[in-house]
Amino acid sequence: MAAKKKAFDFERALGELEQVVTAMEAGNMPLEESLKAFEKGVRLTRECQQALQEAEQKVEVLLKSDEGIETKPFVDTEDDTYDA
């Protein structure tokens, strides 16, 4: 029997990502530790992005299921300089 997938905790993952970034910005880590932290940060970023995409898709499906509601593509209004 396959194991049940553990629910993703977006807020926990985002908090961990913030801790990783803060630790790396301090610049006090040896190279090997920095690489491990970077790998963790990339993994957390991807997981958070996936969770956000899934939430956006759920909202779009819910809006499409109601008659009379028009869906529009999500457009980020913030001026982010970070592209993932």
Protein backbone atom coordinates (compact mmCIF):
# COMPACT_ATOMS: atom_id res chain seq x y z
CA MET A 1 0.00 0.00 0.00
CA ALA A 2 1.38 3.41 -0.96
CA ALA A 3 2.09 5.92 1.78
CA LYS A 4 -0.24 8.91 1.94
CA LYS A 5 1.46 12.12 0.80
CA LYS A 6 2.03 14.56 3.65
CA ALA A 7 0.13 17.84 3.26
CA PHE A 8 2.31 20.74 2.18
CA ASP A 9 2.51 23.56 4.73
CA PHE A 10 3.10 26.69 2.66
CA GLU A 11 3.64 29.01 5.61
CA ARG A 12 6.19 26.66 7.20
CA ALA A 13 8.08 26.30 3.91
CA LEU A 14 8.08 30.05 3.35
CA GLY A 15 9.40 30.60 6.90
CA GLU A 16 12.17 28.06 6.31
CA LEU A 17 13.05 29.77 3.04
CA GLU A 18 13.29 33.12 4.80
CA GLN A 19 15.63 31.57 7.40
CA VAL A 20 17.83 30.10 4.68
CA VAL A 21 18.05 33.44 2.88
CA THR A 22 18.86 35.31 6.11
CA ALA A 23 21.58 32.82 7.02
CA MET A 24 23.13 32.98 3.56
CA GLU A 25 23.00 36.78 3.48
CA ALA A 26 24.98 36.89 6.72
CA GLY A 27 27.91 35.40 4.80
CA ASN A 28 29.25 33.39 7.72
CA MET A 29 28.79 29.89 6.26
CA PRO A 30 31.56 27.70 4.93
CA LEU A 31 31.28 26.82 1.24
CA GLU A 32 29.87 23.31 1.77
CA GLU A 33 27.21 24.59 4.17
CA SER A 34 26.33 27.42 1.76
CA LEU A 35 25.83 24.91 -1.06
CA LYS A 36 23.54 22.79 1.10
CA ALA A 37 21.57 25.87 2.14
CA PHE A 38 21.30 26.97 -1.49
CA GLU A 39 19.99 23.54 -2.51
CA LYS A 40 17.42 23.67 0.28
CA GLY A 41 16.39 27.17 -0.78
CA VAL A 42 15.89 26.08 -4.38
CA ARG A 43 13.80 23.08 -3.27
CA LEU A 44 11.66 25.24 -0.97
CA THR A 45 11.19 27.87 -3.69
CA ARG A 46 10.00 25.25 -6.16
CA GLU A 47 7.62 23.72 -3.62
CA CYS A 48 6.15 27.13 -2.78
CA GLN A 49 5.77 28.04 -6.46
CA GLN A 50 4.01 24.74 -7.12
CA ALA A 51 1.62 25.31 -4.21
CA LEU A 52 0.81 28.81 -5.48
CA GLN A 53 0.19 27.52 -9.01
CA GLU A 54 -2.14 24.82 -7.68
CA ALA A 55 -4.05 27.37 -5.61
CA GLU A 56 -4.39 29.65 -8.63
CA GLN A 57 -5.72 26.76 -10.72
CA LYS A 58 -8.26 25.85 -8.03
CA VAL A 59 -9.52 29.43 -7.91
CA GLU A 60 -9.81 29.53 -11.70
CA VAL A 61 -11.75 26.24 -11.75
CA LEU A 62 -14.11 27.51 -9.04
CA LEU A 63 -14.72 30.74 -10.92
CA LYS A 64 -15.31 28.92 -14.21
CA SER A 65 -17.82 26.60 -12.60
CA ASP A 66 -20.12 29.50 -11.70
CA GLU A 67 -22.15 30.86 -14.60
CA GLY A 68 -21.80 34.53 -15.32
CA ILE A 69 -18.33 34.88 -13.84
CA GLU A 70 -15.57 35.62 -16.28
CA THR A 71 -12.07 34.46 -15.48
CA LYS A 72 -9.01 36.41 -16.42
CA PRO A 73 -5.38 35.28 -16.27
CA PHE A 74 -3.62 36.13 -13.06
CA VAL A 75 -1.29 39.10 -13.46
CA ASP A 76 1.16 39.96 -10.72
CA THR A 77 0.82 43.67 -10.04
CA GLU A 78 3.93 43.90 -7.88
CA ASP A 79 7.12 44.95 -9.58
CA ASP A 80 9.23 41.91 -8.67
CA THR A 81 12.76 41.78 -9.95
CA TYR A 82 13.06 38.06 -9.11
CA ASP A 83 12.31 35.65 -11.93
CA ALA A 84 12.31 31.96 -11.05
